Amino acid sequence: MTNKELVLEFYDKVFNGHDLSDLGRYMREGYRQHSPEVADGREGFRAFAEGFFRLDPHLTIMSVA
Protein backbone atom coordinates (compact mmCIF):
# COMPACT_ATOMS: atom_id res chain seq x y z
CA MET A 1 0.00 0.00 0.00
CA THR A 2 1.37 3.42 -0.89
CA ASN A 3 1.40 6.34 1.54
CA LYS A 4 -1.28 8.06 -0.53
CA GLU A 5 -3.53 5.00 -0.37
CA LEU A 6 -3.02 4.77 3.39
CA VAL A 7 -3.94 8.43 3.89
CA LEU A 8 -7.04 8.08 1.70
CA GLU A 9 -8.07 4.96 3.64
CA PHE A 10 -7.59 6.90 6.91
CA TYR A 11 -9.71 9.82 5.73
CA ASP A 12 -12.49 7.56 4.49
CA LYS A 13 -12.57 5.31 7.56
CA VAL A 14 -12.12 8.02 10.20
CA PHE A 15 -13.74 11.14 8.79
CA ASN A 16 -16.41 9.60 6.57
CA GLY A 17 -17.08 6.43 8.56
CA HIS A 18 -16.46 7.98 12.00
CA ASP A 19 -14.56 4.79 12.84
CA LEU A 20 -11.82 5.40 15.41
CA SER A 21 -11.30 1.73 16.24
CA ASP A 22 -7.98 1.29 14.41
CA LEU A 23 -6.07 4.54 14.91
CA GLY A 24 -2.93 2.52 15.65
CA ARG A 25 -2.86 1.55 11.99
CA TYR A 26 -2.60 5.17 10.92
CA MET A 27 -0.68 6.97 13.66
CA ARG A 28 1.88 6.06 16.25
CA GLU A 29 1.29 6.76 19.92
CA GLY A 30 3.84 9.59 19.81
CA TYR A 31 1.85 11.37 17.09
CA ARG A 32 2.47 15.13 17.30
CA GLN A 33 -0.58 17.23 16.53
CA HIS A 34 -0.03 20.51 14.69
CA SER A 35 -3.18 22.13 16.04
CA PRO A 36 -2.82 23.75 19.47
CA GLU A 37 -6.46 22.84 20.19
CA VAL A 38 -5.82 19.08 19.92
CA ALA A 39 -3.66 17.08 22.33
CA ASP A 40 -0.75 15.02 21.01
CA GLY A 41 -1.00 11.25 20.68
CA ARG A 42 -3.70 8.91 19.41
CA GLU A 43 -5.90 9.49 22.45
CA GLY A 44 -5.69 13.24 21.97
CA PHE A 45 -6.81 12.82 18.37
CA ARG A 46 -9.54 10.39 19.43
CA ALA A 47 -10.95 12.83 22.02
CA PHE A 48 -10.97 15.65 19.47
CA ALA A 49 -12.58 13.52 16.75
CA GLU A 50 -15.27 12.14 19.06
CA GLY A 51 -16.22 15.67 20.10
CA PHE A 52 -16.18 16.85 16.49
CA PHE A 53 -18.42 13.96 15.40
CA ARG A 54 -20.86 14.74 18.22
CA LEU A 55 -21.11 18.33 16.96
CA ASP A 56 -21.66 17.18 13.36
CA PRO A 57 -22.79 13.53 13.20
CA HIS A 58 -23.18 13.72 9.42
CA LEU A 59 -19.69 15.08 8.75
CA THR A 60 -17.91 13.70 5.71
CA ILE A 61 -14.79 14.91 3.94
CA MET A 62 -14.42 14.60 0.20
CA SER A 63 -11.31 12.90 -1.05
CA VAL A 64 -8.93 14.92 -3.19
CA ALA A 65 -7.37 11.83 -4.74
PDB file of N, CA and C in Angstrom:
ATOM      1  N   MET A   1       0.852  -1.172   0.000  1.00  0.00           N
ATOM      2  CA  MET A   1       0.000   0.000   0.000  1.00  0.00           C
ATOM      3  C   MET A   1       0.900   1.238   0.000  1.00  0.00           C
ATOM      4  N   THR A   2       0.592   2.187  -0.840  1.00  0.00           N
ATOM      5  CA  THR A   2       1.370   3.420  -0.892  1.00  0.00           C
ATOM      6  C   THR A   2       0.940   4.363   0.232  1.00  0.00           C
ATOM      7  N   ASN A   3       1.768   5.354   0.517  1.00  0.00           N
ATOM      8  CA  ASN A   3       1.405   6.341   1.535  1.00  0.00           C
ATOM      9  C   ASN A   3       0.102   7.044   1.174  1.00  0.00           C
ATOM     10  N   LYS A   4      -0.056   7.375  -0.091  1.00  0.00           N
ATOM     11  CA  LYS A   4      -1.276   8.063  -0.528  1.00  0.00           C
ATOM     12  C   LYS A   4      -2.506   7.190  -0.276  1.00  0.00           C
ATOM     13  N   GLU A   5      -2.405   5.912  -0.602  1.00  0.00           N
ATOM     14  CA  GLU A   5      -3.527   4.999  -0.373  1.00  0.00           C
ATOM     15  C   GLU A   5      -3.856   4.889   1.118  1.00  0.00           C
ATOM     16  N   LEU A   6      -2.811   4.854   1.952  1.00  0.00           N
ATOM     17  CA  LEU A   6      -3.022   4.769   3.392  1.00  0.00           C
ATOM     18  C   LEU A   6      -3.727   6.020   3.922  1.00  0.00           C
ATOM     19  N   VAL A   7      -3.310   7.176   3.459  1.00  0.00           N
ATOM     20  CA  VAL A   7      -3.941   8.428   3.894  1.00  0.00           C
ATOM     21  C   VAL A   7      -5.394   8.483   3.430  1.00  0.00           C
ATOM     22  N   LEU A   8      -5.660   8.080   2.208  1.00  0.00           N
ATOM     23  CA  LEU A   8      -7.035   8.076   1.704  1.00  0.00           C
ATOM     24  C   LEU A   8      -7.902   7.090   2.492  1.00  0.00           C
ATOM     25  N   GLU A   9      -7.348   5.941   2.831  1.00  0.00           N
ATOM     26  CA  GLU A   9      -8.069   4.965   3.641  1.00  0.00           C
ATOM     27  C   GLU A   9      -8.381   5.564   5.018  1.00  0.00           C
ATOM     28  N   PHE A  10      -7.395   6.238   5.621  1.00  0.00           N
ATOM     29  CA  PHE A  10      -7.585   6.895   6.912  1.00  0.00           C
ATOM     30  C   PHE A  10      -8.714   7.909   6.829  1.00  0.00           C
ATOM     31  N   TYR A  11      -8.669   8.801   5.869  1.00  0.00           N
ATOM     32  CA  TYR A  11      -9.713   9.822   5.733  1.00  0.00           C
ATOM     33  C   TYR A  11     -11.087   9.194   5.570  1.00  0.00           C
ATOM     34  N   ASP A  12     -11.189   8.176   4.723  1.00  0.00           N
ATOM     35  CA  ASP A  12     -12.486   7.563   4.488  1.00  0.00           C
ATOM     36  C   ASP A  12     -13.005   6.859   5.746  1.00  0.00           C
ATOM     37  N   LYS A  13     -12.137   6.070   6.381  1.00  0.00           N
ATOM     38  CA  LYS A  13     -12.566   5.311   7.556  1.00  0.00           C
ATOM     39  C   LYS A  13     -12.869   6.235   8.738  1.00  0.00           C
ATOM     40  N   VAL A  14     -11.981   7.175   9.009  1.00  0.00           N
ATOM     41  CA  VAL A  14     -12.122   8.017  10.200  1.00  0.00           C
ATOM     42  C   VAL A  14     -13.110   9.151   9.975  1.00  0.00           C
ATOM     43  N   PHE A  15     -12.907   9.957   8.956  1.00  0.00           N
ATOM     44  CA  PHE A  15     -13.744  11.144   8.785  1.00  0.00           C
ATOM     45  C   PHE A  15     -15.078  10.868   8.110  1.00  0.00           C
ATOM     46  N   ASN A  16     -15.130   9.916   7.210  1.00  0.00           N
ATOM     47  CA  ASN A  16     -16.406   9.597   6.568  1.00  0.00           C
ATOM     48  C   ASN A  16     -17.161   8.501   7.311  1.00  0.00           C
ATOM     49  N   GLY A  17     -16.435   7.524   7.849  1.00  0.00           N
ATOM     50  CA  GLY A  17     -17.076   6.426   8.560  1.00  0.00           C
ATOM     51  C   GLY A  17     -17.161   6.634  10.062  1.00  0.00           C
ATOM     52  N   HIS A  18     -16.494   7.676  10.555  1.00  0.00           N
ATOM     53  CA  HIS A  18     -16.462   7.983  11.995  1.00  0.00           C
ATOM     54  C   HIS A  18     -15.994   6.768  12.799  1.00  0.00           C
ATOM     55  N   ASP A  19     -15.073   6.010  12.230  1.00  0.00           N
ATOM     56  CA  ASP A  19     -14.559   4.786  12.843  1.00  0.00           C
ATOM     57  C   ASP A  19     -13.168   5.056  13.415  1.00  0.00           C
ATOM     58  N   LEU A  20     -13.086   5.118  14.726  1.00  0.00           N
ATOM     59  CA  LEU A  20     -11.822   5.400  15.407  1.00  0.00           C
ATOM     60  C   LEU A  20     -11.206   4.142  16.015  1.00  0.00           C
ATOM     61  N   SER A  21     -11.701   2.985  15.610  1.00  0.00           N
ATOM     62  CA  SER A  21     -11.304   1.728  16.242  1.00  0.00           C
ATOM     63  C   SER A  21      -9.882   1.292  15.917  1.00  0.00           C
ATOM     64  N   ASP A  22      -9.285   1.795  14.849  1.00  0.00           N
ATOM     65  CA  ASP A  22      -7.980   1.289  14.415  1.00  0.00           C
ATOM     66  C   ASP A  22      -6.982   2.420  14.192  1.00  0.00           C
ATOM     67  N   LEU A  23      -6.979   3.412  15.085  1.00  0.00           N
ATOM     68  CA  LEU A  23      -6.074   4.540  14.907  1.00  0.00           C
ATOM     69  C   LEU A  23      -4.611   4.113  14.918  1.00  0.00           C
ATOM     70  N   GLY A  24      -4.304   3.020  15.608  1.00  0.00           N
ATOM     71  CA  GLY A  24      -2.933   2.524  15.650  1.00  0.00           C
ATOM     72  C   GLY A  24      -2.399   2.146  14.278  1.00  0.00           C
ATOM     73  N   ARG A  25      -3.274   1.856  13.360  1.00  0.00           N
ATOM     74  CA  ARG A  25      -2.859   1.546  11.987  1.00  0.00           C
ATOM     75  C   ARG A  25      -2.360   2.800  11.278  1.00  0.00           C
ATOM     76  N   TYR A  26      -2.880   3.937  11.656  1.00  0.00           N
ATOM     77  CA  TYR A  26      -2.605   5.171  10.922  1.00  0.00           C
ATOM     78  C   TYR A  26      -1.671   6.146  11.633  1.00  0.00           C
ATOM     79  N   MET A  27      -1.557   6.046  12.940  1.00  0.00           N
ATOM     80  CA  MET A  27      -0.679   6.970  13.659  1.00  0.00           C
ATOM     81  C   MET A  27      -0.040   6.274  14.845  1.00  0.00           C
ATOM     82  N   ARG A  28       1.202   6.646  15.099  1.00  0.00           N
ATOM     83  CA  ARG A  28       1.879   6.062  16.248  1.00  0.00           C
ATOM     84  C   ARG A  28       1.456   6.797  17.511  1.00  0.00           C
ATOM     85  N   GLU A  29       1.703   6.173  18.652  1.00  0.00           N
ATOM     86  CA  GLU A  29       1.291   6.763  19.921  1.00  0.00           C
ATOM     87  C   GLU A  29       1.931   8.131  20.134  1.00  0.00           C
ATOM     88  N   GLY A  30       3.148   8.311  19.657  1.00  0.00           N
ATOM     89  CA  GLY A  30       3.843   9.587  19.812  1.00  0.00           C
ATOM     90  C   GLY A  30       3.451  10.640  18.789  1.00  0.00           C
ATOM     91  N   TYR A  31       2.339  10.424  18.112  1.00  0.00           N
ATOM     92  CA  TYR A  31       1.847  11.366  17.092  1.00  0.00           C
ATOM     93  C   TYR A  31       1.843  12.790  17.653  1.00  0.00           C
ATOM     94  N   ARG A  32       2.411  13.729  16.904  1.00  0.00           N
ATOM     95  CA  ARG A  32       2.466  15.132  17.304  1.00  0.00           C
ATOM     96  C   ARG A  32       1.457  15.917  16.498  1.00  0.00           C
ATOM     97  N   GLN A  33       0.488  16.466  17.170  1.00  0.00           N
ATOM     98  CA  GLN A  33      -0.583  17.226  16.535  1.00  0.00           C
ATOM     99  C   GLN A  33      -0.104  18.646  16.236  1.00  0.00           C
ATOM    100  N   HIS A  34      -0.444  19.153  15.061  1.00  0.00           N
ATOM    101  CA  HIS A  34      -0.027  20.509  14.686  1.00  0.00           C
ATOM    102  C   HIS A  34      -1.001  21.573  15.182  1.00  0.00           C
ATOM    103  N   SER A  35      -2.195  21.173  15.550  1.00  0.00           N
ATOM    104  CA  SER A  35      -3.184  22.133  16.036  1.00  0.00           C
ATOM    105  C   SER A  35      -3.036  22.304  17.547  1.00  0.00           C
ATOM    106  N   PRO A  36      -2.939  23.549  18.027  1.00  0.00           N
ATOM    107  CA  PRO A  36      -2.816  23.755  19.471  1.00  0.00           C
ATOM    108  C   PRO A  36      -4.091  23.392  20.241  1.00  0.00           C
ATOM    109  N   GLU A  37      -5.191  23.179  19.541  1.00  0.00           N
ATOM    110  CA  GLU A  37      -6.461  22.836  20.190  1.00  0.00           C
ATOM    111  C   GLU A  37      -6.654  21.336  20.366  1.00  0.00           C
ATOM    112  N   VAL A  38      -5.709  20.536  19.852  1.00  0.00           N
ATOM    113  CA  VAL A  38      -5.818  19.078  19.917  1.00  0.00           C
ATOM    114  C   VAL A  38      -4.575  18.534  20.607  1.00  0.00           C
ATOM    115  N   ALA A  39      -4.782  17.668  21.598  1.00  0.00           N
ATOM    116  CA  ALA A  39      -3.656  17.083  22.325  1.00  0.00           C
ATOM    117  C   ALA A  39      -2.871  16.123  21.434  1.00  0.00           C
ATOM    118  N   ASP A  40      -1.600  15.976  21.723  1.00  0.00           N
ATOM    119  CA  ASP A  40      -0.753  15.023  21.009  1.00  0.00           C
ATOM    120  C   ASP A  40      -1.180  13.595  21.314  1.00  0.00           C
ATOM    121  N   GLY A  41      -0.744  12.670  20.482  1.00  0.00           N
ATOM    122  CA  GLY A  41      -0.997  11.249  20.677  1.00  0.00           C
ATOM    123  C   GLY A  41      -2.327  10.800  20.097  1.00  0.00           C
ATOM    124  N   ARG A  42      -2.461   9.482  19.956  1.00  0.00           N
ATOM    125  CA  ARG A  42      -3.697   8.910  19.407  1.00  0.00           C
ATOM    126  C   ARG A  42      -4.907   9.267  20.259  1.00  0.00           C
ATOM    127  N   GLU A  43      -4.746   9.213  21.580  1.00  0.00           N
ATOM    128  CA  GLU A  43      -5.896   9.487  22.447  1.00  0.00           C
ATOM    129  C   GLU A  43      -6.305  10.950  22.378  1.00  0.00           C
ATOM    130  N   GLY A  44      -5.356  11.837  22.166  1.00  0.00           N
ATOM    131  CA  GLY A  44      -5.692  13.245  21.970  1.00  0.00           C
ATOM    132  C   GLY A  44      -6.497  13.436  20.698  1.00  0.00           C
ATOM    133  N   PHE A  45      -6.067  12.756  19.624  1.00  0.00           N
ATOM    134  CA  PHE A  45      -6.811  12.825  18.366  1.00  0.00           C
ATOM    135  C   PHE A  45      -8.193  12.209  18.528  1.00  0.00           C
ATOM    136  N   ARG A  46      -8.257  11.071  19.230  1.00  0.00           N
ATOM    137  CA  ARG A  46      -9.539  10.385  19.433  1.00  0.00           C
ATOM    138  C   ARG A  46     -10.526  11.300  20.167  1.00  0.00           C
ATOM    139  N   ALA A  47     -10.069  11.935  21.237  1.00  0.00           N
ATOM    140  CA  ALA A  47     -10.947  12.826  22.019  1.00  0.00           C
ATOM    141  C   ALA A  47     -11.449  13.979  21.149  1.00  0.00           C
ATOM    142  N   PHE A  48     -10.565  14.567  20.361  1.00  0.00           N
ATOM    143  CA  PHE A  48     -10.966  15.649  19.466  1.00  0.00           C
ATOM    144  C   PHE A  48     -11.995  15.163  18.451  1.00  0.00           C
ATOM    145  N   ALA A  49     -11.700  14.034  17.799  1.00  0.00           N
ATOM    146  CA  ALA A  49     -12.581  13.525  16.749  1.00  0.00           C
ATOM    147  C   ALA A  49     -13.948  13.148  17.309  1.00  0.00           C
ATOM    148  N   GLU A  50     -13.983  12.504  18.466  1.00  0.00           N
ATOM    149  CA  GLU A  50     -15.270  12.136  19.060  1.00  0.00           C
ATOM    150  C   GLU A  50     -16.117  13.379  19.335  1.00  0.00           C
ATOM    151  N   GLY A  51     -15.493  14.423  19.855  1.00  0.00           N
ATOM    152  CA  GLY A  51     -16.218  15.673  20.098  1.00  0.00           C
ATOM    153  C   GLY A  51     -16.692  16.305  18.807  1.00  0.00           C
ATOM    154  N   PHE A  52     -15.841  16.274  17.798  1.00  0.00           N
ATOM    155  CA  PHE A  52     -16.175  16.846  16.490  1.00  0.00           C
ATOM    156  C   PHE A  52     -17.352  16.099  15.866  1.00  0.00           C
ATOM    157  N   PHE A  53     -17.335  14.767  15.974  1.00  0.00           N
ATOM    158  CA  PHE A  53     -18.416  13.964  15.403  1.00  0.00           C
ATOM    159  C   PHE A  53     -19.730  14.177  16.157  1.00  0.00           C
ATOM    160  N   ARG A  54     -19.639  14.430  17.463  1.00  0.00           N
ATOM    161  CA  ARG A  54     -20.862  14.736  18.215  1.00  0.00           C
ATOM    162  C   ARG A  54     -21.470  16.059  17.740  1.00  0.00           C
ATOM    163  N   LEU A  55     -20.620  17.037  17.444  1.00  0.00           N
ATOM    164  CA  LEU A  55     -21.114  18.331  16.961  1.00  0.00           C
ATOM    165  C   LEU A  55     -21.734  18.219  15.572  1.00  0.00           C
ATOM    166  N   ASP A  56     -21.178  17.338  14.732  1.00  0.00           N
ATOM    167  CA  ASP A  56     -21.662  17.175  13.362  1.00  0.00           C
ATOM    168  C   ASP A  56     -21.687  15.694  13.003  1.00  0.00           C
ATOM    169  N   PRO A  57     -22.745  14.970  13.420  1.00  0.00           N
ATOM    170  CA  PRO A  57     -22.791  13.526  13.197  1.00  0.00           C
ATOM    171  C   PRO A  57     -22.843  13.108  11.731  1.00  0.00           C
ATOM    172  N   HIS A  58     -23.104  14.042  10.847  1.00  0.00           N
ATOM    173  CA  HIS A  58     -23.184  13.722   9.417  1.00  0.00           C
ATOM    174  C   HIS A  58     -21.953  14.184   8.650  1.00  0.00           C
ATOM    175  N   LEU A  59     -20.921  14.577   9.375  1.00  0.00           N
ATOM    176  CA  LEU A  59     -19.692  15.078   8.748  1.00  0.00           C
ATOM    177  C   LEU A  59     -19.092  14.055   7.810  1.00  0.00           C
ATOM    178  N   THR A  60     -18.722  14.491   6.632  1.00  0.00           N
ATOM    179  CA  THR A  60     -17.915  13.702   5.708  1.00  0.00           C
ATOM    180  C   THR A  60     -16.917  14.658   5.064  1.00  0.00           C
ATOM    181  N   ILE A  61     -15.807  14.121   4.621  1.00  0.00           N
ATOM    182  CA  ILE A  61     -14.791  14.910   3.944  1.00  0.00           C
ATOM    183  C   ILE A  61     -14.560  14.289   2.575  1.00  0.00           C
ATOM    184  N   MET A  62     -14.644  15.101   1.562  1.00  0.00           N
ATOM    185  CA  MET A  62     -14.418  14.601   0.204  1.00  0.00           C
ATOM    186  C   MET A  62     -12.944  14.307   0.000  1.00  0.00           C
ATOM    187  N   SER A  63     -12.672  13.260  -0.703  1.00  0.00           N
ATOM    188  CA  SER A  63     -11.306  12.903  -1.052  1.00  0.00           C
ATOM    189  C   SER A  63     -10.804  13.806  -2.168  1.00  0.00           C
ATOM    190  N   VAL A  64      -9.532  14.119  -2.124  1.00  0.00           N
ATOM    191  CA  VAL A  64      -8.933  14.919  -3.190  1.00  0.00           C
ATOM    192  C   VAL A  64      -7.978  14.064  -4.016  1.00  0.00           C
ATOM    193  N   ALA A  65      -8.248  12.772  -4.053  1.00  0.00           N
ATOM    194  CA  ALA A  65      -7.369  11.829  -4.741  1.00  0.00           C
ATOM    195  C   ALA A  65      -7.196  12.168  -6.157  1.00  0.00           C
TER     196      ALA A  65
END
